[in-house]
Amino acid sequence: MSKPVFISAEEAVRVVRSGDHVHLSSIASVPHILIEALERAAFQRFHR
């Protein structure tokens, strides 16, 4: 088995493009750090 690779939330959201759907379940733990990174990325992309 390969060793897991960890990346930051900011790195993870770089692959999300306009029109993509990101599902966040209300049943499971919500990854708040990921949601915040998505918000920052959206703000930076659309408020230049």
PDB file of N, CA and C in Angstrom:
ATOM      1  N   MET A   1       0.842  -1.169   0.000  1.00  0.00           N
ATOM      2  CA  MET A   1       0.000   0.000   0.000  1.00  0.00           C
ATOM      3  C   MET A   1       0.893   1.240   0.000  1.00  0.00           C
ATOM      4  N   SER A   2       0.466   2.261  -0.769  1.00  0.00           N
ATOM      5  CA  SER A   2       1.286   3.470  -0.848  1.00  0.00           C
ATOM      6  C   SER A   2       1.032   4.384   0.352  1.00  0.00           C
ATOM      7  N   LYS A   3       1.996   5.214   0.603  1.00  0.00           N
ATOM      8  CA  LYS A   3       1.925   6.144   1.718  1.00  0.00           C
ATOM      9  C   LYS A   3       0.933   7.267   1.376  1.00  0.00           C
ATOM     10  N   PRO A   4       0.022   7.624   2.295  1.00  0.00           N
ATOM     11  CA  PRO A   4      -0.941   8.693   1.998  1.00  0.00           C
ATOM     12  C   PRO A   4      -0.248  10.042   1.819  1.00  0.00           C
ATOM     13  N   VAL A   5      -0.811  10.846   0.941  1.00  0.00           N
ATOM     14  CA  VAL A   5      -0.296  12.184   0.689  1.00  0.00           C
ATOM     15  C   VAL A   5      -1.311  13.184   1.229  1.00  0.00           C
ATOM     16  N   PHE A   6      -0.854  14.112   2.028  1.00  0.00           N
ATOM     17  CA  PHE A   6      -1.724  15.126   2.603  1.00  0.00           C
ATOM     18  C   PHE A   6      -1.434  16.467   1.950  1.00  0.00           C
ATOM     19  N   ILE A   7      -2.496  17.203   1.624  1.00  0.00           N
ATOM     20  CA  ILE A   7      -2.350  18.533   1.059  1.00  0.00           C
ATOM     21  C   ILE A   7      -3.240  19.499   1.843  1.00  0.00           C
ATOM     22  N   SER A   8      -2.984  20.768   1.695  1.00  0.00           N
ATOM     23  CA  SER A   8      -3.778  21.772   2.398  1.00  0.00           C
ATOM     24  C   SER A   8      -5.146  21.917   1.733  1.00  0.00           C
ATOM     25  N   ALA A   9      -6.058  22.528   2.454  1.00  0.00           N
ATOM     26  CA  ALA A   9      -7.388  22.787   1.899  1.00  0.00           C
ATOM     27  C   ALA A   9      -7.278  23.706   0.688  1.00  0.00           C
ATOM     28  N   GLU A  10      -6.386  24.683   0.750  1.00  0.00           N
ATOM     29  CA  GLU A  10      -6.201  25.599  -0.374  1.00  0.00           C
ATOM     30  C   GLU A  10      -5.740  24.857  -1.622  1.00  0.00           C
ATOM     31  N   GLU A  11      -4.835  23.903  -1.448  1.00  0.00           N
ATOM     32  CA  GLU A  11      -4.386  23.099  -2.587  1.00  0.00           C
ATOM     33  C   GLU A  11      -5.525  22.244  -3.133  1.00  0.00           C
ATOM     34  N   ALA A  12      -6.332  21.713  -2.253  1.00  0.00           N
ATOM     35  CA  ALA A  12      -7.435  20.835  -2.673  1.00  0.00           C
ATOM     36  C   ALA A  12      -8.474  21.584  -3.493  1.00  0.00           C
ATOM     37  N   VAL A  13      -8.781  22.816  -3.110  1.00  0.00           N
ATOM     38  CA  VAL A  13      -9.838  23.546  -3.827  1.00  0.00           C
ATOM     39  C   VAL A  13      -9.363  24.140  -5.148  1.00  0.00           C
ATOM     40  N   ARG A  14      -8.084  24.108  -5.419  1.00  0.00           N
ATOM     41  CA  ARG A  14      -7.579  24.611  -6.701  1.00  0.00           C
ATOM     42  C   ARG A  14      -8.129  23.826  -7.880  1.00  0.00           C
ATOM     43  N   VAL A  15      -8.512  22.595  -7.671  1.00  0.00           N
ATOM     44  CA  VAL A  15      -9.028  21.785  -8.783  1.00  0.00           C
ATOM     45  C   VAL A  15     -10.520  21.989  -9.005  1.00  0.00           C
ATOM     46  N   VAL A  16     -11.190  22.712  -8.122  1.00  0.00           N
ATOM     47  CA  VAL A  16     -12.619  22.981  -8.274  1.00  0.00           C
ATOM     48  C   VAL A  16     -12.789  24.125  -9.265  1.00  0.00           C
ATOM     49  N   ARG A  17     -13.591  23.897 -10.294  1.00  0.00           N
ATOM     50  CA  ARG A  17     -13.809  24.880 -11.345  1.00  0.00           C
ATOM     51  C   ARG A  17     -15.244  25.386 -11.318  1.00  0.00           C
ATOM     52  N   SER A  18     -15.467  26.513 -11.945  1.00  0.00           N
ATOM     53  CA  SER A  18     -16.800  27.079 -12.056  1.00  0.00           C
ATOM     54  C   SER A  18     -17.731  26.060 -12.693  1.00  0.00           C
ATOM     55  N   GLY A  19     -18.875  25.832 -12.082  1.00  0.00           N
ATOM     56  CA  GLY A  19     -19.844  24.853 -12.583  1.00  0.00           C
ATOM     57  C   GLY A  19     -19.724  23.491 -11.929  1.00  0.00           C
ATOM     58  N   ASP A  20     -18.622  23.255 -11.218  1.00  0.00           N
ATOM     59  CA  ASP A  20     -18.464  21.985 -10.503  1.00  0.00           C
ATOM     60  C   ASP A  20     -19.456  21.918  -9.348  1.00  0.00           C
ATOM     61  N   HIS A  21     -19.839  20.719  -8.996  1.00  0.00           N
ATOM     62  CA  HIS A  21     -20.712  20.506  -7.845  1.00  0.00           C
ATOM     63  C   HIS A  21     -19.885  19.882  -6.724  1.00  0.00           C
ATOM     64  N   VAL A  22     -19.980  20.453  -5.549  1.00  0.00           N
ATOM     65  CA  VAL A  22     -19.281  19.936  -4.376  1.00  0.00           C
ATOM     66  C   VAL A  22     -20.344  19.561  -3.362  1.00  0.00           C
ATOM     67  N   HIS A  23     -20.427  18.292  -3.030  1.00  0.00           N
ATOM     68  CA  HIS A  23     -21.446  17.806  -2.088  1.00  0.00           C
ATOM     69  C   HIS A  23     -20.884  17.798  -0.677  1.00  0.00           C
ATOM     70  N   LEU A  24     -21.589  18.482   0.209  1.00  0.00           N
ATOM     71  CA  LEU A  24     -21.230  18.488   1.621  1.00  0.00           C
ATOM     72  C   LEU A  24     -22.409  17.903   2.380  1.00  0.00           C
ATOM     73  N   SER A  25     -22.210  16.784   2.998  1.00  0.00           N
ATOM     74  CA  SER A  25     -23.293  16.087   3.682  1.00  0.00           C
ATOM     75  C   SER A  25     -23.615  16.730   5.022  1.00  0.00           C
ATOM     76  N   SER A  26     -24.884  16.869   5.296  1.00  0.00           N
ATOM     77  CA  SER A  26     -25.286  17.398   6.596  1.00  0.00           C
ATOM     78  C   SER A  26     -25.332  16.297   7.652  1.00  0.00           C
ATOM     79  N   ILE A  27     -25.170  15.059   7.216  1.00  0.00           N
ATOM     80  CA  ILE A  27     -25.210  13.924   8.136  1.00  0.00           C
ATOM     81  C   ILE A  27     -23.824  13.661   8.730  1.00  0.00           C
ATOM     82  N   ALA A  28     -22.802  13.752   7.895  1.00  0.00           N
ATOM     83  CA  ALA A  28     -21.435  13.476   8.351  1.00  0.00           C
ATOM     84  C   ALA A  28     -20.797  14.754   8.892  1.00  0.00           C
ATOM     85  N   SER A  29     -19.624  14.626   9.423  1.00  0.00           N
ATOM     86  CA  SER A  29     -18.885  15.807   9.885  1.00  0.00           C
ATOM     87  C   SER A  29     -18.628  16.737   8.713  1.00  0.00           C
ATOM     88  N   VAL A  30     -18.898  17.993   8.916  1.00  0.00           N
ATOM     89  CA  VAL A  30     -18.678  18.983   7.871  1.00  0.00           C
ATOM     90  C   VAL A  30     -17.248  19.497   7.986  1.00  0.00           C
ATOM     91  N   PRO A  31     -16.468  19.419   6.910  1.00  0.00           N
ATOM     92  CA  PRO A  31     -15.072  19.886   6.952  1.00  0.00           C
ATOM     93  C   PRO A  31     -15.011  21.413   6.842  1.00  0.00           C
ATOM     94  N   HIS A  32     -15.155  22.082   7.968  1.00  0.00           N
ATOM     95  CA  HIS A  32     -15.225  23.544   7.969  1.00  0.00           C
ATOM     96  C   HIS A  32     -14.011  24.194   7.317  1.00  0.00           C
ATOM     97  N   ILE A  33     -12.843  23.631   7.494  1.00  0.00           N
ATOM     98  CA  ILE A  33     -11.644  24.217   6.888  1.00  0.00           C
ATOM     99  C   ILE A  33     -11.724  24.161   5.360  1.00  0.00           C
ATOM    100  N   LEU A  34     -12.345  23.109   4.822  1.00  0.00           N
ATOM    101  CA  LEU A  34     -12.519  22.999   3.382  1.00  0.00           C
ATOM    102  C   LEU A  34     -13.556  24.001   2.880  1.00  0.00           C
ATOM    103  N   ILE A  35     -14.640  24.168   3.612  1.00  0.00           N
ATOM    104  CA  ILE A  35     -15.669  25.139   3.234  1.00  0.00           C
ATOM    105  C   ILE A  35     -15.075  26.549   3.223  1.00  0.00           C
ATOM    106  N   GLU A  36     -14.294  26.877   4.227  1.00  0.00           N
ATOM    107  CA  GLU A  36     -13.666  28.198   4.291  1.00  0.00           C
ATOM    108  C   GLU A  36     -12.698  28.407   3.129  1.00  0.00           C
ATOM    109  N   ALA A  37     -11.960  27.377   2.757  1.00  0.00           N
ATOM    110  CA  ALA A  37     -11.042  27.475   1.618  1.00  0.00           C
ATOM    111  C   ALA A  37     -11.820  27.668   0.317  1.00  0.00           C
ATOM    112  N   LEU A  38     -12.953  26.995   0.171  1.00  0.00           N
ATOM    113  CA  LEU A  38     -13.804  27.182  -1.007  1.00  0.00           C
ATOM    114  C   LEU A  38     -14.329  28.611  -1.071  1.00  0.00           C
ATOM    115  N   GLU A  39     -14.742  29.144   0.062  1.00  0.00           N
ATOM    116  CA  GLU A  39     -15.239  30.527   0.111  1.00  0.00           C
ATOM    117  C   GLU A  39     -14.143  31.510  -0.296  1.00  0.00           C
ATOM    118  N   ARG A  40     -12.936  31.326   0.244  1.00  0.00           N
ATOM    119  CA  ARG A  40     -11.822  32.223  -0.097  1.00  0.00           C
ATOM    120  C   ARG A  40     -11.491  32.138  -1.585  1.00  0.00           C
ATOM    121  N   ALA A  41     -11.454  30.921  -2.114  1.00  0.00           N
ATOM    122  CA  ALA A  41     -11.133  30.732  -3.531  1.00  0.00           C
ATOM    123  C   ALA A  41     -12.193  31.381  -4.418  1.00  0.00           C
ATOM    124  N   ALA A  42     -13.463  31.206  -4.076  1.00  0.00           N
ATOM    125  CA  ALA A  42     -14.540  31.806  -4.860  1.00  0.00           C
ATOM    126  C   ALA A  42     -14.446  33.326  -4.825  1.00  0.00           C
ATOM    127  N   PHE A  43     -14.188  33.879  -3.653  1.00  0.00           N
ATOM    128  CA  PHE A  43     -14.068  35.327  -3.522  1.00  0.00           C
ATOM    129  C   PHE A  43     -12.921  35.845  -4.382  1.00  0.00           C
ATOM    130  N   GLN A  44     -11.782  35.175  -4.335  1.00  0.00           N
ATOM    131  CA  GLN A  44     -10.621  35.601  -5.099  1.00  0.00           C
ATOM    132  C   GLN A  44     -10.874  35.489  -6.599  1.00  0.00           C
ATOM    133  N   ARG A  45     -11.576  34.444  -7.037  1.00  0.00           N
ATOM    134  CA  ARG A  45     -11.814  34.240  -8.470  1.00  0.00           C
ATOM    135  C   ARG A  45     -12.835  35.210  -9.033  1.00  0.00           C
ATOM    136  N   PHE A  46     -13.850  35.545  -8.246  1.00  0.00           N
ATOM    137  CA  PHE A  46     -14.962  36.320  -8.791  1.00  0.00           C
ATOM    138  C   PHE A  46     -14.993  37.769  -8.332  1.00  0.00           C
ATOM    139  N   HIS A  47     -14.077  38.178  -7.491  1.00  0.00           N
ATOM    140  CA  HIS A  47     -14.043  39.563  -7.015  1.00  0.00           C
ATOM    141  C   HIS A  47     -12.681  40.190  -7.270  1.00  0.00           C
ATOM    142  N   ARG A  48     -12.186  40.027  -8.445  1.00  0.00           N
ATOM    143  CA  ARG A  48     -10.878  40.632  -8.808  1.00  0.00           C
ATOM    144  C   ARG A  48     -11.080  42.003  -9.333  1.00  0.00           C
TER     145      ARG A  48
END
